[in-house]
Structures are given as structure tokens and as C-alpha cells.
N, C-alpha and C. Protein backbone atom coordinates (compact mmCIF):
# COMPACT_ATOMS: atom_id res chain seq x y z
N ASN A 1 49.81 14.17 -43.46
CA ASN A 1 49.20 13.19 -44.34
C ASN A 1 49.73 11.81 -43.97
N LEU A 2 48.84 10.85 -43.81
CA LEU A 2 49.25 9.50 -43.38
C LEU A 2 50.05 8.75 -44.43
N LEU A 3 49.77 8.97 -45.71
CA LEU A 3 50.55 8.28 -46.75
C LEU A 3 52.00 8.74 -46.71
N TYR A 4 52.20 10.02 -46.53
CA TYR A 4 53.57 10.54 -46.38
C TYR A 4 54.24 9.94 -45.15
N GLU A 5 53.51 9.87 -44.05
CA GLU A 5 54.07 9.28 -42.82
C GLU A 5 54.39 7.80 -43.03
N LEU A 6 53.53 7.09 -43.77
CA LEU A 6 53.79 5.68 -44.06
C LEU A 6 55.05 5.53 -44.89
N ARG A 7 55.23 6.39 -45.89
CA ARG A 7 56.44 6.34 -46.71
C ARG A 7 57.69 6.61 -45.88
N CYS A 8 57.62 7.61 -45.02
CA CYS A 8 58.75 7.93 -44.15
C CYS A 8 59.05 6.79 -43.19
N THR A 9 58.00 6.17 -42.67
CA THR A 9 58.17 5.04 -41.75
C THR A 9 58.84 3.88 -42.46
N TYR A 10 58.38 3.58 -43.67
CA TYR A 10 58.99 2.51 -44.46
C TYR A 10 60.47 2.79 -44.71
N CYS A 11 60.80 4.02 -45.11
CA CYS A 11 62.20 4.38 -45.36
C CYS A 11 63.04 4.27 -44.09
N GLY A 12 62.46 4.65 -42.95
CA GLY A 12 63.17 4.52 -41.69
C GLY A 12 63.46 3.07 -41.34
N ILE A 13 62.50 2.19 -41.61
CA ILE A 13 62.72 0.76 -41.35
C ILE A 13 63.83 0.24 -42.25
N ILE A 14 63.80 0.60 -43.53
CA ILE A 14 64.84 0.16 -44.47
C ILE A 14 66.21 0.64 -44.01
N THR A 15 66.30 1.88 -43.58
CA THR A 15 67.57 2.44 -43.11
C THR A 15 68.10 1.65 -41.91
N ASN A 16 67.23 1.35 -40.96
CA ASN A 16 67.67 0.61 -39.77
C ASN A 16 68.00 -0.84 -40.09
N VAL A 17 67.33 -1.44 -41.05
CA VAL A 17 67.69 -2.80 -41.48
C VAL A 17 69.07 -2.78 -42.12
N ASP A 18 69.36 -1.74 -42.90
CA ASP A 18 70.69 -1.62 -43.49
C ASP A 18 71.77 -1.51 -42.41
N LYS A 19 71.46 -0.76 -41.34
CA LYS A 19 72.40 -0.65 -40.22
C LYS A 19 72.62 -2.02 -39.57
N LEU A 20 71.54 -2.78 -39.41
CA LEU A 20 71.66 -4.13 -38.85
C LEU A 20 72.55 -5.00 -39.73
N ARG A 21 72.34 -4.91 -41.05
CA ARG A 21 73.14 -5.71 -41.98
C ARG A 21 74.62 -5.33 -41.89
N GLU A 22 74.89 -4.02 -41.80
CA GLU A 22 76.28 -3.57 -41.66
C GLU A 22 76.89 -4.12 -40.37
N SER A 23 76.12 -4.13 -39.31
CA SER A 23 76.59 -4.68 -38.04
C SER A 23 76.89 -6.17 -38.18
N ALA A 24 76.03 -6.88 -38.92
CA ALA A 24 76.25 -8.32 -39.14
C ALA A 24 77.52 -8.56 -39.95
N VAL A 25 77.78 -7.71 -40.94
CA VAL A 25 78.99 -7.84 -41.76
C VAL A 25 80.22 -7.64 -40.89
N LYS A 26 80.19 -6.61 -40.04
CA LYS A 26 81.32 -6.36 -39.15
C LYS A 26 81.54 -7.55 -38.21
N ASP A 27 80.45 -8.06 -37.65
CA ASP A 27 80.53 -9.20 -36.76
C ASP A 27 81.09 -10.42 -37.48
N TYR A 28 80.63 -10.64 -38.70
CA TYR A 28 81.11 -11.79 -39.48
C TYR A 28 82.60 -11.65 -39.79
N ASN A 29 83.01 -10.47 -40.23
CA ASN A 29 84.43 -10.25 -40.55
C ASN A 29 85.30 -10.43 -39.31
N LYS A 30 84.82 -9.94 -38.18
CA LYS A 30 85.56 -10.09 -36.92
C LYS A 30 85.66 -11.57 -36.55
N GLU A 31 84.55 -12.29 -36.71
CA GLU A 31 84.55 -13.71 -36.37
C GLU A 31 85.47 -14.52 -37.29
N MET A 32 85.46 -14.19 -38.57
CA MET A 32 86.32 -14.90 -39.52
C MET A 32 87.79 -14.60 -39.23
N LYS A 33 88.07 -13.38 -38.84
CA LYS A 33 89.44 -13.02 -38.50
C LYS A 33 89.90 -13.82 -37.27
N ASN A 34 89.03 -13.93 -36.26
CA ASN A 34 89.36 -14.71 -35.06
C ASN A 34 89.42 -16.20 -35.36
N ALA A 35 88.58 -16.68 -36.27
CA ALA A 35 88.54 -18.10 -36.58
C ALA A 35 89.75 -18.53 -37.37
N SER A 36 90.38 -17.60 -38.10
CA SER A 36 91.54 -17.98 -38.90
C SER A 36 92.70 -18.43 -38.03
N GLY A 37 92.72 -18.00 -36.78
CA GLY A 37 93.77 -18.41 -35.86
C GLY A 37 93.52 -19.78 -35.24
N ARG A 38 92.29 -20.29 -35.34
CA ARG A 38 91.97 -21.58 -34.77
C ARG A 38 92.29 -22.68 -35.76
N SER A 39 92.78 -23.79 -35.27
CA SER A 39 93.14 -24.88 -36.17
C SER A 39 91.97 -25.78 -36.50
N ASP A 40 90.98 -25.91 -35.61
CA ASP A 40 89.87 -26.83 -35.87
C ASP A 40 88.77 -26.20 -36.71
N GLY A 41 88.67 -24.86 -36.79
CA GLY A 41 87.66 -24.19 -37.58
C GLY A 41 86.25 -24.36 -37.04
N ALA A 42 86.07 -24.79 -35.82
CA ALA A 42 84.74 -25.06 -35.27
C ALA A 42 84.01 -23.76 -34.95
N GLN A 43 82.70 -23.81 -35.08
CA GLN A 43 81.84 -22.72 -34.68
C GLN A 43 80.80 -23.28 -33.73
N SER A 44 80.32 -22.44 -32.82
CA SER A 44 79.42 -22.94 -31.80
C SER A 44 78.00 -23.19 -32.31
N ASN A 45 77.45 -22.33 -33.15
CA ASN A 45 76.11 -22.56 -33.70
C ASN A 45 75.92 -21.78 -34.99
N ASN A 46 74.78 -21.95 -35.63
CA ASN A 46 74.54 -21.35 -36.93
C ASN A 46 73.90 -19.98 -36.85
N TYR A 47 73.38 -19.59 -35.70
CA TYR A 47 72.64 -18.35 -35.57
C TYR A 47 73.38 -17.38 -34.66
N ARG A 48 73.38 -16.12 -35.08
CA ARG A 48 74.01 -15.07 -34.29
C ARG A 48 73.00 -13.93 -34.15
N SER A 49 72.87 -13.41 -32.97
CA SER A 49 72.02 -12.24 -32.76
C SER A 49 72.84 -10.99 -33.08
N VAL A 50 72.25 -10.09 -33.82
CA VAL A 50 72.94 -8.87 -34.20
C VAL A 50 72.74 -7.82 -33.11
N ALA A 51 73.82 -7.25 -32.67
CA ALA A 51 73.74 -6.19 -31.66
C ALA A 51 73.28 -4.89 -32.33
N MET A 52 72.47 -4.15 -31.61
CA MET A 52 71.95 -2.88 -32.14
C MET A 52 71.94 -1.89 -30.99
N ASP A 53 72.36 -0.65 -31.27
CA ASP A 53 72.37 0.30 -30.17
C ASP A 53 70.93 0.57 -29.73
N PRO A 54 70.75 0.82 -28.42
CA PRO A 54 69.40 0.93 -27.85
C PRO A 54 68.50 1.98 -28.51
N SER A 55 69.06 3.11 -28.91
CA SER A 55 68.22 4.14 -29.52
C SER A 55 67.72 3.69 -30.90
N SER A 56 68.59 3.06 -31.68
CA SER A 56 68.17 2.55 -33.00
C SER A 56 67.15 1.43 -32.84
N LEU A 57 67.35 0.59 -31.85
CA LEU A 57 66.42 -0.51 -31.62
C LEU A 57 65.04 0.02 -31.24
N SER A 58 64.99 0.97 -30.31
CA SER A 58 63.69 1.50 -29.91
C SER A 58 63.04 2.27 -31.05
N THR A 59 63.83 2.96 -31.87
CA THR A 59 63.29 3.67 -33.03
C THR A 59 62.70 2.69 -34.03
N THR A 60 63.41 1.60 -34.30
CA THR A 60 62.93 0.61 -35.26
C THR A 60 61.66 -0.07 -34.76
N VAL A 61 61.63 -0.41 -33.50
CA VAL A 61 60.43 -1.03 -32.92
C VAL A 61 59.25 -0.07 -33.04
N GLU A 62 59.46 1.20 -32.74
CA GLU A 62 58.39 2.20 -32.84
C GLU A 62 57.96 2.40 -34.29
N LEU A 63 58.90 2.39 -35.23
CA LEU A 63 58.55 2.53 -36.64
C LEU A 63 57.66 1.37 -37.11
N ILE A 64 57.99 0.17 -36.69
CA ILE A 64 57.18 -0.99 -37.09
C ILE A 64 55.81 -0.92 -36.44
N ARG A 65 55.75 -0.50 -35.19
CA ARG A 65 54.45 -0.33 -34.53
C ARG A 65 53.60 0.70 -35.26
N ARG A 66 54.19 1.82 -35.61
CA ARG A 66 53.46 2.88 -36.30
C ARG A 66 53.05 2.44 -37.70
N LEU A 67 53.90 1.72 -38.39
CA LEU A 67 53.56 1.20 -39.71
C LEU A 67 52.30 0.34 -39.64
N THR A 68 52.24 -0.54 -38.66
CA THR A 68 51.08 -1.41 -38.48
C THR A 68 49.83 -0.57 -38.19
N GLU A 69 49.99 0.42 -37.34
CA GLU A 69 48.85 1.27 -36.98
C GLU A 69 48.31 2.01 -38.21
N ILE A 70 49.18 2.56 -39.02
CA ILE A 70 48.76 3.30 -40.21
C ILE A 70 48.06 2.38 -41.20
N VAL A 71 48.61 1.20 -41.41
CA VAL A 71 48.01 0.24 -42.35
C VAL A 71 46.62 -0.15 -41.87
N LEU A 72 46.46 -0.37 -40.58
CA LEU A 72 45.14 -0.72 -40.05
C LEU A 72 44.16 0.44 -40.14
N ILE A 73 44.63 1.66 -39.99
CA ILE A 73 43.76 2.83 -40.17
C ILE A 73 43.27 2.87 -41.63
N GLY A 74 44.20 2.65 -42.56
CA GLY A 74 43.82 2.64 -43.97
C GLY A 74 42.82 1.55 -44.30
N ASP A 75 43.03 0.35 -43.74
CA ASP A 75 42.10 -0.76 -43.99
C ASP A 75 40.72 -0.44 -43.41
N LYS A 76 40.69 0.08 -42.20
CA LYS A 76 39.41 0.40 -41.55
C LYS A 76 38.66 1.46 -42.34
N THR A 77 39.36 2.47 -42.79
CA THR A 77 38.72 3.54 -43.56
C THR A 77 38.19 3.02 -44.89
N ASP A 78 38.98 2.19 -45.59
CA ASP A 78 38.52 1.60 -46.85
C ASP A 78 37.25 0.79 -46.63
N GLU A 79 37.24 -0.03 -45.60
CA GLU A 79 36.08 -0.89 -45.33
C GLU A 79 34.87 -0.06 -44.91
N ASP A 80 35.07 0.96 -44.09
CA ASP A 80 33.96 1.83 -43.68
C ASP A 80 33.35 2.54 -44.88
N MET A 81 34.18 3.01 -45.80
CA MET A 81 33.68 3.70 -46.99
C MET A 81 32.91 2.73 -47.88
N ARG A 82 33.39 1.50 -48.02
CA ARG A 82 32.65 0.52 -48.82
C ARG A 82 31.30 0.22 -48.18
N TRP A 83 31.27 0.10 -46.86
CA TRP A 83 30.01 -0.19 -46.17
C TRP A 83 29.03 0.96 -46.35
N LEU A 84 29.52 2.20 -46.20
CA LEU A 84 28.64 3.35 -46.36
C LEU A 84 28.09 3.44 -47.79
N LYS A 85 28.94 3.17 -48.78
CA LYS A 85 28.47 3.20 -50.16
C LYS A 85 27.43 2.13 -50.41
N ASP A 86 27.70 0.91 -49.91
CA ASP A 86 26.74 -0.19 -50.09
C ASP A 86 25.42 0.12 -49.41
N SER A 87 25.46 0.65 -48.20
CA SER A 87 24.21 0.97 -47.49
C SER A 87 23.52 2.16 -48.14
N GLY A 88 24.27 3.07 -48.71
CA GLY A 88 23.69 4.21 -49.40
C GLY A 88 23.00 3.81 -50.69
N ASN A 89 23.53 2.81 -51.39
CA ASN A 89 22.92 2.36 -52.64
C ASN A 89 21.64 1.58 -52.41
N ASN A 90 21.42 1.07 -51.23
CA ASN A 90 20.23 0.27 -50.94
C ASN A 90 19.13 1.08 -50.27
N THR A 91 19.23 2.39 -50.26
CA THR A 91 18.24 3.20 -49.55
C THR A 91 17.04 3.47 -50.44
N THR A 92 15.95 3.82 -49.80
CA THR A 92 14.75 4.25 -50.52
C THR A 92 14.83 5.75 -50.74
N ASP A 93 13.85 6.31 -51.45
CA ASP A 93 13.86 7.75 -51.73
C ASP A 93 13.84 8.58 -50.46
N SER A 94 13.19 8.10 -49.40
CA SER A 94 13.12 8.87 -48.16
C SER A 94 14.48 8.96 -47.46
N ASN A 95 15.37 8.03 -47.78
CA ASN A 95 16.71 8.04 -47.17
C ASN A 95 17.76 8.48 -48.18
N ALA A 96 17.40 9.15 -49.22
CA ALA A 96 18.34 9.54 -50.26
C ALA A 96 19.44 10.46 -49.74
N SER A 97 19.20 11.12 -48.65
CA SER A 97 20.22 12.01 -48.11
C SER A 97 21.47 11.26 -47.67
N VAL A 98 21.36 9.96 -47.38
CA VAL A 98 22.54 9.16 -46.99
C VAL A 98 23.56 9.16 -48.11
N GLU A 99 23.11 9.09 -49.38
CA GLU A 99 24.04 9.07 -50.50
C GLU A 99 24.84 10.36 -50.57
N ASN A 100 24.24 11.46 -50.19
CA ASN A 100 24.95 12.72 -50.23
C ASN A 100 26.04 12.80 -49.17
N VAL A 101 25.87 12.06 -48.07
CA VAL A 101 26.85 12.07 -47.00
C VAL A 101 28.07 11.22 -47.37
N VAL A 102 27.83 10.15 -48.15
CA VAL A 102 28.90 9.24 -48.52
C VAL A 102 29.79 9.90 -49.56
N GLU A 103 31.03 10.06 -49.22
CA GLU A 103 32.00 10.66 -50.12
C GLU A 103 33.15 9.69 -50.30
N GLU A 104 34.00 10.00 -51.23
CA GLU A 104 35.21 9.22 -51.38
C GLU A 104 36.07 9.41 -50.13
N PRO A 105 36.85 8.40 -49.77
CA PRO A 105 37.73 8.59 -48.63
C PRO A 105 38.65 9.79 -48.87
N SER A 106 38.97 10.49 -47.83
CA SER A 106 39.84 11.65 -48.00
C SER A 106 41.19 11.19 -48.51
N ALA A 107 41.90 12.11 -49.11
CA ALA A 107 43.21 11.79 -49.68
C ALA A 107 44.16 11.27 -48.61
N GLU A 108 43.90 11.64 -47.37
CA GLU A 108 44.77 11.21 -46.28
C GLU A 108 44.75 9.69 -46.10
N PHE A 109 43.63 9.05 -46.40
CA PHE A 109 43.50 7.62 -46.16
C PHE A 109 43.63 6.76 -47.41
N GLN A 110 43.59 7.35 -48.57
CA GLN A 110 43.63 6.57 -49.80
C GLN A 110 45.02 5.98 -50.00
N GLY A 111 45.04 4.74 -50.36
CA GLY A 111 46.27 4.10 -50.78
C GLY A 111 47.19 3.62 -49.67
N LEU A 112 46.77 3.65 -48.43
CA LEU A 112 47.68 3.21 -47.35
C LEU A 112 47.99 1.73 -47.46
N PHE A 113 46.96 0.91 -47.56
CA PHE A 113 47.22 -0.53 -47.65
C PHE A 113 47.87 -0.87 -48.99
N GLU A 114 47.50 -0.15 -50.05
CA GLU A 114 48.10 -0.39 -51.36
C GLU A 114 49.60 -0.10 -51.34
N TYR A 115 50.00 0.96 -50.65
CA TYR A 115 51.43 1.27 -50.53
C TYR A 115 52.14 0.16 -49.76
N PHE A 116 51.52 -0.31 -48.71
CA PHE A 116 52.05 -1.42 -47.92
C PHE A 116 52.28 -2.63 -48.82
N CYS A 117 51.32 -2.90 -49.70
CA CYS A 117 51.44 -4.03 -50.63
C CYS A 117 52.47 -3.75 -51.72
N GLU A 118 52.45 -2.54 -52.26
CA GLU A 118 53.35 -2.18 -53.35
C GLU A 118 54.81 -2.35 -52.95
N LYS A 119 55.14 -1.97 -51.75
CA LYS A 119 56.53 -2.07 -51.27
C LYS A 119 56.86 -3.46 -50.72
N ASN A 120 55.87 -4.36 -50.78
CA ASN A 120 56.07 -5.73 -50.30
C ASN A 120 56.61 -5.72 -48.86
N THR A 121 55.99 -4.91 -48.04
CA THR A 121 56.44 -4.69 -46.67
C THR A 121 56.28 -5.93 -45.82
N LEU A 122 55.26 -6.71 -46.07
CA LEU A 122 55.07 -7.94 -45.30
C LEU A 122 56.25 -8.88 -45.52
N ALA A 123 56.71 -8.98 -46.76
CA ALA A 123 57.87 -9.82 -47.05
C ALA A 123 59.12 -9.29 -46.35
N LEU A 124 59.26 -7.96 -46.30
CA LEU A 124 60.39 -7.37 -45.59
C LEU A 124 60.37 -7.74 -44.12
N LEU A 125 59.19 -7.66 -43.50
CA LEU A 125 59.08 -8.00 -42.08
C LEU A 125 59.39 -9.48 -41.84
N VAL A 126 58.92 -10.33 -42.74
CA VAL A 126 59.24 -11.77 -42.63
C VAL A 126 60.75 -11.97 -42.76
N ASP A 127 61.36 -11.27 -43.72
CA ASP A 127 62.80 -11.40 -43.92
C ASP A 127 63.60 -10.90 -42.71
N ILE A 128 63.10 -9.88 -42.04
CA ILE A 128 63.79 -9.38 -40.84
C ILE A 128 63.74 -10.45 -39.75
N VAL A 129 62.57 -11.01 -39.51
CA VAL A 129 62.42 -12.00 -38.43
C VAL A 129 63.26 -13.24 -38.71
N THR A 130 63.28 -13.70 -39.97
CA THR A 130 64.02 -14.92 -40.30
C THR A 130 65.50 -14.67 -40.49
N GLY A 131 65.89 -13.41 -40.59
CA GLY A 131 67.31 -13.09 -40.72
C GLY A 131 67.75 -12.88 -42.16
N ARG A 132 66.90 -13.12 -43.15
CA ARG A 132 67.31 -12.95 -44.55
C ARG A 132 67.62 -11.49 -44.87
N ALA A 133 66.94 -10.55 -44.22
CA ALA A 133 67.20 -9.13 -44.49
C ALA A 133 68.46 -8.64 -43.80
N ILE A 134 68.93 -9.39 -42.81
CA ILE A 134 70.06 -8.95 -42.01
C ILE A 134 71.34 -9.68 -42.39
N THR A 135 71.23 -10.96 -42.71
CA THR A 135 72.40 -11.76 -43.04
C THR A 135 73.05 -11.19 -44.30
N PRO A 136 74.35 -10.94 -44.27
CA PRO A 136 75.03 -10.39 -45.45
C PRO A 136 74.79 -11.28 -46.67
N THR A 137 74.61 -10.64 -47.81
CA THR A 137 74.27 -11.38 -49.04
C THR A 137 75.37 -12.35 -49.43
N THR A 138 76.61 -12.09 -49.07
CA THR A 138 77.68 -13.03 -49.40
C THR A 138 77.49 -14.35 -48.66
N LEU A 139 76.89 -14.28 -47.47
CA LEU A 139 76.63 -15.51 -46.73
C LEU A 139 75.39 -16.22 -47.26
N GLN A 140 74.41 -15.47 -47.75
CA GLN A 140 73.19 -16.08 -48.26
C GLN A 140 73.44 -16.83 -49.55
N SER A 141 74.40 -16.37 -50.35
CA SER A 141 74.62 -16.98 -51.65
C SER A 141 75.61 -18.14 -51.62
N GLN A 142 76.10 -18.49 -50.44
CA GLN A 142 77.03 -19.61 -50.35
C GLN A 142 76.33 -20.90 -50.72
N PRO A 143 77.01 -21.76 -51.46
CA PRO A 143 76.39 -23.05 -51.77
C PRO A 143 76.25 -23.89 -50.51
N PRO A 144 75.40 -24.90 -50.54
CA PRO A 144 75.28 -25.77 -49.38
C PRO A 144 76.65 -26.32 -48.99
N ASN A 145 76.82 -26.52 -47.71
CA ASN A 145 78.11 -27.00 -47.22
C ASN A 145 78.44 -28.37 -47.78
N PRO A 146 79.65 -28.53 -48.27
CA PRO A 146 80.06 -29.86 -48.71
C PRO A 146 80.25 -30.76 -47.50
N PRO A 147 80.36 -32.06 -47.71
CA PRO A 147 80.59 -32.93 -46.56
C PRO A 147 81.80 -32.45 -45.77
N GLN A 148 81.63 -32.39 -44.49
CA GLN A 148 82.68 -31.85 -43.62
C GLN A 148 83.54 -32.98 -43.06
N SER A 149 84.79 -32.66 -42.96
CA SER A 149 85.67 -33.60 -42.28
C SER A 149 85.49 -33.40 -40.78
N PRO A 150 85.83 -34.38 -39.98
CA PRO A 150 85.63 -34.25 -38.53
C PRO A 150 86.32 -33.04 -37.92
N ASN A 151 87.42 -32.58 -38.51
CA ASN A 151 88.12 -31.45 -37.91
C ASN A 151 87.68 -30.10 -38.49
N ASN A 152 86.75 -30.10 -39.45
CA ASN A 152 86.27 -28.85 -40.01
C ASN A 152 84.74 -28.84 -39.95
N THR A 153 84.19 -28.13 -38.98
CA THR A 153 82.74 -28.16 -38.77
C THR A 153 82.09 -26.80 -39.01
N LYS A 154 82.67 -25.99 -39.90
CA LYS A 154 82.07 -24.69 -40.19
C LYS A 154 80.72 -24.87 -40.87
N THR A 155 79.78 -24.01 -40.53
CA THR A 155 78.46 -24.05 -41.14
C THR A 155 78.04 -22.63 -41.51
N LYS A 156 77.00 -22.53 -42.31
CA LYS A 156 76.48 -21.23 -42.70
C LYS A 156 75.93 -20.50 -41.48
N ILE A 157 76.21 -19.21 -41.39
CA ILE A 157 75.76 -18.40 -40.27
C ILE A 157 74.55 -17.58 -40.71
N THR A 158 73.51 -17.56 -39.89
CA THR A 158 72.36 -16.71 -40.13
C THR A 158 72.27 -15.72 -38.98
N TYR A 159 72.16 -14.46 -39.32
CA TYR A 159 72.06 -13.42 -38.31
C TYR A 159 70.59 -13.11 -38.06
N ILE A 160 70.23 -13.02 -36.80
CA ILE A 160 68.84 -12.75 -36.43
C ILE A 160 68.76 -11.42 -35.68
N PRO A 161 67.61 -10.76 -35.76
CA PRO A 161 67.49 -9.45 -35.10
C PRO A 161 67.37 -9.59 -33.59
N PRO A 162 67.53 -8.50 -32.86
CA PRO A 162 67.31 -8.54 -31.42
C PRO A 162 65.89 -8.99 -31.10
N SER A 163 65.72 -9.61 -29.95
CA SER A 163 64.42 -10.19 -29.59
C SER A 163 63.31 -9.13 -29.51
N ASN A 164 63.63 -7.90 -29.07
CA ASN A 164 62.60 -6.84 -29.01
C ASN A 164 62.02 -6.57 -30.39
N LEU A 165 62.87 -6.55 -31.39
CA LEU A 165 62.44 -6.28 -32.75
C LEU A 165 61.60 -7.44 -33.29
N SER A 166 62.05 -8.65 -33.06
CA SER A 166 61.28 -9.82 -33.51
C SER A 166 59.92 -9.86 -32.83
N THR A 167 59.88 -9.55 -31.55
CA THR A 167 58.62 -9.54 -30.81
C THR A 167 57.65 -8.53 -31.40
N GLN A 168 58.14 -7.33 -31.72
CA GLN A 168 57.27 -6.31 -32.30
C GLN A 168 56.74 -6.75 -33.67
N ILE A 169 57.57 -7.37 -34.47
CA ILE A 169 57.13 -7.82 -35.78
C ILE A 169 56.07 -8.91 -35.64
N LEU A 170 56.27 -9.84 -34.71
CA LEU A 170 55.26 -10.88 -34.50
C LEU A 170 53.95 -10.28 -33.99
N GLN A 171 54.03 -9.28 -33.12
CA GLN A 171 52.82 -8.58 -32.66
C GLN A 171 52.14 -7.88 -33.83
N SER A 172 52.91 -7.31 -34.73
CA SER A 172 52.34 -6.65 -35.90
C SER A 172 51.62 -7.65 -36.80
N PHE A 173 52.22 -8.82 -37.01
CA PHE A 173 51.56 -9.87 -37.79
C PHE A 173 50.22 -10.23 -37.15
N SER A 174 50.25 -10.40 -35.84
CA SER A 174 49.03 -10.77 -35.11
C SER A 174 47.96 -9.69 -35.26
N LEU A 175 48.35 -8.43 -35.10
CA LEU A 175 47.40 -7.33 -35.25
C LEU A 175 46.83 -7.26 -36.66
N LEU A 176 47.68 -7.45 -37.65
CA LEU A 176 47.20 -7.41 -39.03
C LEU A 176 46.20 -8.54 -39.30
N LEU A 177 46.53 -9.73 -38.84
CA LEU A 177 45.64 -10.87 -39.09
C LEU A 177 44.31 -10.75 -38.37
N THR A 178 44.32 -10.19 -37.19
CA THR A 178 43.07 -10.13 -36.41
C THR A 178 42.24 -8.88 -36.67
N ASN A 179 42.85 -7.80 -37.17
CA ASN A 179 42.12 -6.55 -37.30
C ASN A 179 41.83 -6.09 -38.72
N VAL A 180 42.45 -6.69 -39.71
CA VAL A 180 42.14 -6.32 -41.09
C VAL A 180 40.74 -6.82 -41.41
N ARG A 181 39.89 -5.92 -41.92
CA ARG A 181 38.49 -6.28 -42.15
C ARG A 181 38.14 -6.41 -43.62
N CYS A 182 38.84 -5.73 -44.47
CA CYS A 182 38.54 -5.76 -45.90
C CYS A 182 38.94 -7.13 -46.48
N PRO A 183 38.01 -7.85 -47.09
CA PRO A 183 38.33 -9.19 -47.61
C PRO A 183 39.50 -9.20 -48.60
N ARG A 184 39.59 -8.16 -49.43
CA ARG A 184 40.70 -8.08 -50.39
C ARG A 184 42.04 -8.01 -49.66
N ASN A 185 42.10 -7.25 -48.59
CA ASN A 185 43.34 -7.10 -47.83
C ASN A 185 43.69 -8.38 -47.06
N ILE A 186 42.69 -9.04 -46.53
CA ILE A 186 42.92 -10.31 -45.85
C ILE A 186 43.45 -11.33 -46.85
N PHE A 187 42.86 -11.34 -48.04
CA PHE A 187 43.33 -12.25 -49.09
C PHE A 187 44.80 -12.00 -49.39
N TYR A 188 45.19 -10.73 -49.50
CA TYR A 188 46.59 -10.41 -49.76
C TYR A 188 47.50 -10.95 -48.67
N ILE A 189 47.13 -10.69 -47.42
CA ILE A 189 47.98 -11.11 -46.31
C ILE A 189 48.12 -12.63 -46.27
N LEU A 190 47.06 -13.35 -46.55
CA LEU A 190 47.09 -14.80 -46.43
C LEU A 190 47.52 -15.52 -47.70
N SER A 191 47.69 -14.81 -48.80
CA SER A 191 47.98 -15.51 -50.06
C SER A 191 49.37 -15.28 -50.62
N ASN A 192 50.21 -14.56 -49.93
CA ASN A 192 51.55 -14.28 -50.47
C ASN A 192 52.62 -15.20 -49.92
N ASN A 193 52.30 -16.44 -49.70
CA ASN A 193 53.26 -17.45 -49.24
C ASN A 193 53.90 -17.12 -47.90
N TYR A 194 53.13 -16.52 -47.00
CA TYR A 194 53.62 -16.23 -45.66
C TYR A 194 52.87 -17.10 -44.70
């Protein structure tokens, strides 16, 4: 069942994002430990790429690819069923058999895009690309940096995902924007402040 697969895919993505966040926390703690020995407190930049083991990275990329594929299958099926119903309602008596062919979408396809929306998956993907889903929450809640003295140039660190993962998410956005056909689903994608 595709809805079950979509749920499992979503859970797999969440699990791997949690692993990325844990990796970012370890990296941050290691960096702070090393920085405590420095007298100037300087940091080279605000962004850090989070390391991910190759198998987890390829699994996460594949999960996001599959998630996009399932959502597009659900959108296509919803739109095809609406078209068949609309064309069936406009038939004459000689074509009445078309109405008998039109059925509700099978349970396998119902609710795929709705589940995607319910879990706010698009926001999760945006947060992964921008680093909000990966950056430890203790770093996200820090107040803006006070004026810095010349010898103290520490700044807030944002952790970003590996480039393979970001590339797959951007490809998924592109596929969703170009292939979603149902006007209601397009409205959702374009109206949630993304």
C-alpha cells in the first residue's frame, strides 16, 4: 500500500534528520571544546556542513526521492479521477456506460498528498536545506549576538546538510512544482510561505 510506504518513508527521513542533528551537536561540542583553548575566540565562518556516513546519506537521498515519487503518484491519480468523474457527468444517455467505469480511487492512492500536507513535509524539507532541522535547538534559540569586541568574533553557527542531500531536496521541489496537476495541491505548495 502506497500510504503505508509514504508513512514509512516519512519516518525514515525523520530518523535520518535526527541522526544529522546528533552529528551537529557532537561537532558543535567538539568545536566549543577546542575553541575554549583559543584566546581570541575567532571562528572561520557561520556555516558548517554536517558529516554523514555514506550509507545513511544514500538512504536519505533515496527516501526523499521516493517520497516525491509517491506524492506525485497520488496527485496524478486524484486529478485523473476528477477528470473521469467530470467527463462522466457530461455524457449523454448513449455514453452512460462511462459513469459505471468511473469509481472512487482505490484505497492505495487515497490520501497520499493529504498525508504529505498533514505532516507538513514541505516545511521539513525546507528546514533541512536551510539547516533549521539540523542545527541544534540550543544554537537556534540564542539571542542575536551582542556587539562584539575586536578580539571576540564568535557568531551563531548554522549546520547545513551534505550537498547530495540538498541537491535531492531541490530536485524534489522542482519536480513537485512542475508535475503537480491538481489546482488544490498547487495552491498548497505555493501558498505556505515557501
